[in-house]
Amino acid sequence: MDYLPVFLQLRAAPAVIVGGGRVAARKADLLLRCGARVTVIAPQLEESLRERVAGGELVHLAETFLPAHLDGAALAIAATDCNGVNTAVSTAARERRVPVNVVDDASLSTFILPAIIDRSPVVVAVGSAGHAPVLARWVREQIEAVLPARLGALARFMGERRKSVQRALG
């Protein structure tokens, strides 16, 4: 294995995204769904990110990236179209021991984001170590097609009864 699959609990953890475009917006959505406190660093933002800032869902620093932006971050994502900025984010994150994902550049990343099937609390992740993201998405679609939409509700139902079942069997 090139990567250890893990599920991070990011509720209330500070997460930094460098970049203000559509890709950054997708990463912000993912982090917000996990409950992270997201700060986006970019001179300008695309519309959905501006709406989230206006709604108080995330913080925007209309600045160019500085290494100090990562101080205290639980993780960082570089989502710019500028290799120099992405490299600077990667370097600063590694110096601070902050896990970093540089979108579309596994060589600059200490973690990668898989294709995700979300039937919370059941979550399935499919990765290809960055070699074949289109294939990973296809595999995700195949798995997603067979998982019931209400799988999360079933998992919550079972979780609510777990201790009583253990007592009855134990």
C-alpha atoms as a PDB file:
ATOM      1  CA  MET A   1       0.000   0.000   0.000  1.00  0.00           C
ATOM      2  CA  ASP A   2       1.237   3.468  -0.857  1.00  0.00           C
ATOM      3  CA  TYR A   3      -1.177   5.133   1.593  1.00  0.00           C
ATOM      4  CA  LEU A   4      -2.741   4.161   4.902  1.00  0.00           C
ATOM      5  CA  PRO A   5      -6.504   4.633   4.669  1.00  0.00           C
ATOM      6  CA  VAL A   6      -7.700   6.600   7.697  1.00  0.00           C
ATOM      7  CA  PHE A   7     -10.798   8.522   8.672  1.00  0.00           C
ATOM      8  CA  LEU A   8      -9.964  11.792  10.429  1.00  0.00           C
ATOM      9  CA  GLN A   9     -12.317  13.376  12.937  1.00  0.00           C
ATOM     10  CA  LEU A  10     -12.123  17.070  12.040  1.00  0.00           C
ATOM     11  CA  ARG A  11     -15.076  18.460  14.002  1.00  0.00           C
ATOM     12  CA  ALA A  12     -14.094  22.010  15.058  1.00  0.00           C
ATOM     13  CA  ALA A  13     -10.536  21.499  13.784  1.00  0.00           C
ATOM     14  CA  PRO A  14      -8.927  24.351  11.841  1.00  0.00           C
ATOM     15  CA  ALA A  15      -8.456  23.500   8.159  1.00  0.00           C
ATOM     16  CA  VAL A  16      -6.826  25.774   5.587  1.00  0.00           C
ATOM     17  CA  ILE A  17      -7.547  25.793   1.867  1.00  0.00           C
ATOM     18  CA  VAL A  18      -5.309  27.847  -0.378  1.00  0.00           C
ATOM     19  CA  GLY A  19      -7.143  28.760  -3.572  1.00  0.00           C
ATOM     20  CA  GLY A  20     -10.498  30.281  -4.348  1.00  0.00           C
ATOM     21  CA  GLY A  21     -11.801  28.464  -7.424  1.00  0.00           C
ATOM     22  CA  ARG A  22     -14.205  25.604  -8.114  1.00  0.00           C
ATOM     23  CA  VAL A  23     -11.817  22.909  -6.882  1.00  0.00           C
ATOM     24  CA  ALA A  24     -11.270  24.803  -3.630  1.00  0.00           C
ATOM     25  CA  ALA A  25     -15.056  25.104  -3.291  1.00  0.00           C
ATOM     26  CA  ARG A  26     -15.448  21.312  -3.601  1.00  0.00           C
ATOM     27  CA  LYS A  27     -12.782  20.733  -0.950  1.00  0.00           C
ATOM     28  CA  ALA A  28     -14.388  23.337   1.323  1.00  0.00           C
ATOM     29  CA  ASP A  29     -17.735  21.556   0.980  1.00  0.00           C
ATOM     30  CA  LEU A  30     -16.150  18.267   2.006  1.00  0.00           C
ATOM     31  CA  LEU A  31     -14.390  19.775   5.029  1.00  0.00           C
ATOM     32  CA  LEU A  32     -17.488  21.684   6.133  1.00  0.00           C
ATOM     33  CA  ARG A  33     -19.536  18.474   5.967  1.00  0.00           C
ATOM     34  CA  CYS A  34     -17.020  17.003   8.438  1.00  0.00           C
ATOM     35  CA  GLY A  35     -17.447  19.963  10.778  1.00  0.00           C
ATOM     36  CA  ALA A  36     -14.021  21.512  10.229  1.00  0.00           C
ATOM     37  CA  ARG A  37     -13.481  25.242  10.767  1.00  0.00           C
ATOM     38  CA  VAL A  38     -12.417  26.225   7.260  1.00  0.00           C
ATOM     39  CA  THR A  39     -10.298  29.216   6.295  1.00  0.00           C
ATOM     40  CA  VAL A  40      -9.831  29.914   2.596  1.00  0.00           C
ATOM     41  CA  ILE A  41      -6.818  31.951   1.557  1.00  0.00           C
ATOM     42  CA  ALA A  42      -7.102  33.489  -1.900  1.00  0.00           C
ATOM     43  CA  PRO A  43      -7.104  36.974  -3.393  1.00  0.00           C
ATOM     44  CA  GLN A  44     -10.513  36.231  -4.964  1.00  0.00           C
ATOM     45  CA  LEU A  45     -13.266  33.652  -4.505  1.00  0.00           C
ATOM     46  CA  GLU A  46     -15.685  31.989  -6.870  1.00  0.00           C
ATOM     47  CA  GLU A  47     -19.386  32.563  -6.218  1.00  0.00           C
ATOM     48  CA  SER A  48     -20.254  29.570  -4.002  1.00  0.00           C
ATOM     49  CA  LEU A  49     -17.314  30.323  -1.708  1.00  0.00           C
ATOM     50  CA  ARG A  50     -18.367  33.989  -1.485  1.00  0.00           C
ATOM     51  CA  GLU A  51     -21.861  32.810  -0.490  1.00  0.00           C
ATOM     52  CA  ARG A  52     -20.433  30.576   2.232  1.00  0.00           C
ATOM     53  CA  VAL A  53     -18.349  33.441   3.577  1.00  0.00           C
ATOM     54  CA  ALA A  54     -21.439  35.691   3.591  1.00  0.00           C
ATOM     55  CA  GLY A  55     -23.355  32.945   5.401  1.00  0.00           C
ATOM     56  CA  GLY A  56     -20.666  32.655   8.063  1.00  0.00           C
ATOM     57  CA  GLU A  57     -19.797  29.069   7.142  1.00  0.00           C
ATOM     58  CA  LEU A  58     -16.127  29.761   6.517  1.00  0.00           C
ATOM     59  CA  VAL A  59     -13.511  32.477   6.836  1.00  0.00           C
ATOM     60  CA  HIS A  60     -11.861  34.166   3.863  1.00  0.00           C
ATOM     61  CA  LEU A  61      -8.475  35.852   3.973  1.00  0.00           C
ATOM     62  CA  ALA A  62      -8.155  37.889   0.770  1.00  0.00           C
ATOM     63  CA  GLU A  63      -4.387  37.527   0.759  1.00  0.00           C
ATOM     64  CA  THR A  64      -1.627  35.702  -1.005  1.00  0.00           C
ATOM     65  CA  PHE A  65      -0.382  32.627   0.838  1.00  0.00           C
ATOM     66  CA  LEU A  66       2.133  33.018   3.647  1.00  0.00           C
ATOM     67  CA  PRO A  67       3.601  30.034   5.546  1.00  0.00           C
ATOM     68  CA  ALA A  68       2.264  31.462   8.832  1.00  0.00           C
ATOM     69  CA  HIS A  69      -1.280  30.876   7.537  1.00  0.00           C
ATOM     70  CA  LEU A  70      -0.740  27.193   8.404  1.00  0.00           C
ATOM     71  CA  ASP A  71       0.255  27.756  12.029  1.00  0.00           C
ATOM     72  CA  GLY A  72      -2.093  25.677  14.171  1.00  0.00           C
ATOM     73  CA  ALA A  73      -3.872  24.057  11.211  1.00  0.00           C
ATOM     74  CA  ALA A  74      -5.023  20.450  11.506  1.00  0.00           C
ATOM     75  CA  LEU A  75      -4.657  20.033   7.745  1.00  0.00           C
ATOM     76  CA  ALA A  76      -4.048  22.033   4.597  1.00  0.00           C
ATOM     77  CA  ILE A  77      -5.202  21.769   1.014  1.00  0.00           C
ATOM     78  CA  ALA A  78      -3.532  23.581  -1.871  1.00  0.00           C
ATOM     79  CA  ALA A  79      -6.035  24.052  -4.687  1.00  0.00           C
ATOM     80  CA  THR A  80      -4.510  26.694  -6.917  1.00  0.00           C
ATOM     81  CA  ASP A  81      -3.509  26.562 -10.563  1.00  0.00           C
ATOM     82  CA  CYS A  82      -0.059  27.942  -9.679  1.00  0.00           C
ATOM     83  CA  ASN A  83       2.639  25.313  -9.113  1.00  0.00           C
ATOM     84  CA  GLY A  84       4.795  27.776  -7.167  1.00  0.00           C
ATOM     85  CA  VAL A  85       2.029  28.498  -4.648  1.00  0.00           C
ATOM     86  CA  ASN A  86       1.141  24.814  -4.328  1.00  0.00           C
ATOM     87  CA  THR A  87       4.794  23.961  -3.703  1.00  0.00           C
ATOM     88  CA  ALA A  88       5.055  26.724  -1.093  1.00  0.00           C
ATOM     89  CA  VAL A  89       1.960  25.372   0.702  1.00  0.00           C
ATOM     90  CA  SER A  90       3.400  21.858   0.644  1.00  0.00           C
ATOM     91  CA  THR A  91       6.761  23.001   1.983  1.00  0.00           C
ATOM     92  CA  ALA A  92       5.238  25.136   4.751  1.00  0.00           C
ATOM     93  CA  ALA A  93       2.881  22.339   5.787  1.00  0.00           C
ATOM     94  CA  ARG A  94       5.639  19.744   5.944  1.00  0.00           C
ATOM     95  CA  GLU A  95       7.821  22.090   8.011  1.00  0.00           C
ATOM     96  CA  ARG A  96       4.939  22.425  10.487  1.00  0.00           C
ATOM     97  CA  ARG A  97       4.013  18.722  10.364  1.00  0.00           C
ATOM     98  CA  VAL A  98       0.584  19.646   9.019  1.00  0.00           C
ATOM     99  CA  PRO A  99      -0.898  17.019   6.707  1.00  0.00           C
ATOM    100  CA  VAL A 100      -1.177  18.535   3.217  1.00  0.00           C
ATOM    101  CA  ASN A 101      -2.996  17.656   0.033  1.00  0.00           C
ATOM    102  CA  VAL A 102      -1.979  19.384  -3.160  1.00  0.00           C
ATOM    103  CA  VAL A 103      -4.832  18.799  -5.570  1.00  0.00           C
ATOM    104  CA  ASP A 104      -3.732  16.731  -8.571  1.00  0.00           C
ATOM    105  CA  ASP A 105      -0.126  16.417  -7.323  1.00  0.00           C
ATOM    106  CA  ALA A 106       0.450  13.423  -5.064  1.00  0.00           C
ATOM    107  CA  SER A 107       4.209  14.076  -5.051  1.00  0.00           C
ATOM    108  CA  LEU A 108       3.631  17.302  -3.083  1.00  0.00           C
ATOM    109  CA  SER A 109       1.017  15.726  -0.804  1.00  0.00           C
ATOM    110  CA  THR A 110       1.269  13.841   2.464  1.00  0.00           C
ATOM    111  CA  PHE A 111      -2.311  12.618   2.040  1.00  0.00           C
ATOM    112  CA  ILE A 112      -4.735  12.181  -0.806  1.00  0.00           C
ATOM    113  CA  LEU A 113      -8.502  12.432  -0.861  1.00  0.00           C
ATOM    114  CA  PRO A 114     -10.312   9.348  -2.131  1.00  0.00           C
ATOM    115  CA  ALA A 115     -13.546   9.061  -4.050  1.00  0.00           C
ATOM    116  CA  ILE A 116     -16.189   8.993  -1.298  1.00  0.00           C
ATOM    117  CA  ILE A 117     -19.544   7.302  -0.873  1.00  0.00           C
ATOM    118  CA  ASP A 118     -21.361   9.029   1.983  1.00  0.00           C
ATOM    119  CA  ARG A 119     -24.149   7.128   3.662  1.00  0.00           C
ATOM    120  CA  SER A 120     -23.235   8.594   7.043  1.00  0.00           C
ATOM    121  CA  PRO A 121     -22.364   7.146   9.378  1.00  0.00           C
ATOM    122  CA  VAL A 122     -21.307   4.531   6.815  1.00  0.00           C
ATOM    123  CA  VAL A 123     -18.605   6.024   4.615  1.00  0.00           C
ATOM    124  CA  VAL A 124     -16.754   4.160   1.879  1.00  0.00           C
ATOM    125  CA  ALA A 125     -13.544   5.525   0.383  1.00  0.00           C
ATOM    126  CA  VAL A 126     -11.971   4.382  -2.882  1.00  0.00           C
ATOM    127  CA  GLY A 127      -8.446   5.395  -3.797  1.00  0.00           C
ATOM    128  CA  SER A 128      -5.899   4.673  -6.491  1.00  0.00           C
ATOM    129  CA  ALA A 129      -2.874   6.316  -4.820  1.00  0.00           C
ATOM    130  CA  GLY A 130      -3.388   9.198  -7.229  1.00  0.00           C
ATOM    131  CA  HIS A 131      -2.597   7.036 -10.262  1.00  0.00           C
ATOM    132  CA  ALA A 132      -6.091   6.713 -11.702  1.00  0.00           C
ATOM    133  CA  PRO A 133      -8.624   9.121 -10.155  1.00  0.00           C
ATOM    134  CA  VAL A 134     -11.105   8.529 -12.999  1.00  0.00           C
ATOM    135  CA  LEU A 135     -10.973   4.788 -12.295  1.00  0.00           C
ATOM    136  CA  ALA A 136     -11.455   5.414  -8.560  1.00  0.00           C
ATOM    137  CA  ARG A 137     -14.532   7.525  -9.327  1.00  0.00           C
ATOM    138  CA  TRP A 138     -15.880   4.753 -11.590  1.00  0.00           C
ATOM    139  CA  VAL A 139     -15.368   2.150  -8.845  1.00  0.00           C
ATOM    140  CA  ARG A 140     -17.090   4.518  -6.412  1.00  0.00           C
ATOM    141  CA  GLU A 141     -20.060   4.802  -8.768  1.00  0.00           C
ATOM    142  CA  GLN A 142     -20.307   1.005  -9.035  1.00  0.00           C
ATOM    143  CA  ILE A 143     -20.288   0.572  -5.252  1.00  0.00           C
ATOM    144  CA  GLU A 144     -22.637   3.509  -4.747  1.00  0.00           C
ATOM    145  CA  ALA A 145     -25.166   1.918  -7.099  1.00  0.00           C
ATOM    146  CA  VAL A 146     -25.490  -1.175  -4.894  1.00  0.00           C
ATOM    147  CA  LEU A 147     -25.570   0.551  -1.502  1.00  0.00           C
ATOM    148  CA  PRO A 148     -29.067   1.499  -0.358  1.00  0.00           C
ATOM    149  CA  ALA A 149     -29.680   5.223   0.084  1.00  0.00           C
ATOM    150  CA  ARG A 150     -31.005   4.526   3.612  1.00  0.00           C
ATOM    151  CA  LEU A 151     -27.923   2.575   4.703  1.00  0.00           C
ATOM    152  CA  GLY A 152     -27.003   5.391   7.097  1.00  0.00           C
ATOM    153  CA  ALA A 153     -30.397   5.196   8.784  1.00  0.00           C
ATOM    154  CA  LEU A 154     -29.931   1.448   9.253  1.00  0.00           C
ATOM    155  CA  ALA A 155     -26.485   2.003  10.766  1.00  0.00           C
ATOM    156  CA  ARG A 156     -27.868   4.604  13.203  1.00  0.00           C
ATOM    157  CA  PHE A 157     -30.734   2.236  14.134  1.00  0.00           C
ATOM    158  CA  MET A 158     -28.266  -0.572  14.814  1.00  0.00           C
ATOM    159  CA  GLY A 159     -25.956   1.747  16.745  1.00  0.00           C
ATOM    160  CA  GLU A 160     -28.783   2.801  19.044  1.00  0.00           C
ATOM    161  CA  ARG A 161     -29.359  -0.861  19.952  1.00  0.00           C
ATOM    162  CA  ARG A 162     -25.751  -2.026  20.048  1.00  0.00           C
ATOM    163  CA  LYS A 163     -25.258  -1.966  23.828  1.00  0.00           C
ATOM    164  CA  SER A 164     -28.556  -3.708  24.567  1.00  0.00           C
ATOM    165  CA  VAL A 165     -27.731  -6.449  22.032  1.00  0.00           C
ATOM    166  CA  GLN A 166     -24.260  -6.876  23.569  1.00  0.00           C
ATOM    167  CA  ARG A 167     -25.788  -7.173  27.047  1.00  0.00           C
ATOM    168  CA  ALA A 168     -28.351  -9.712  25.828  1.00  0.00           C
ATOM    169  CA  LEU A 169     -25.675 -11.828  24.145  1.00  0.00           C
ATOM    170  CA  GLY A 170     -22.934 -11.346  26.696  1.00  0.00           C
END
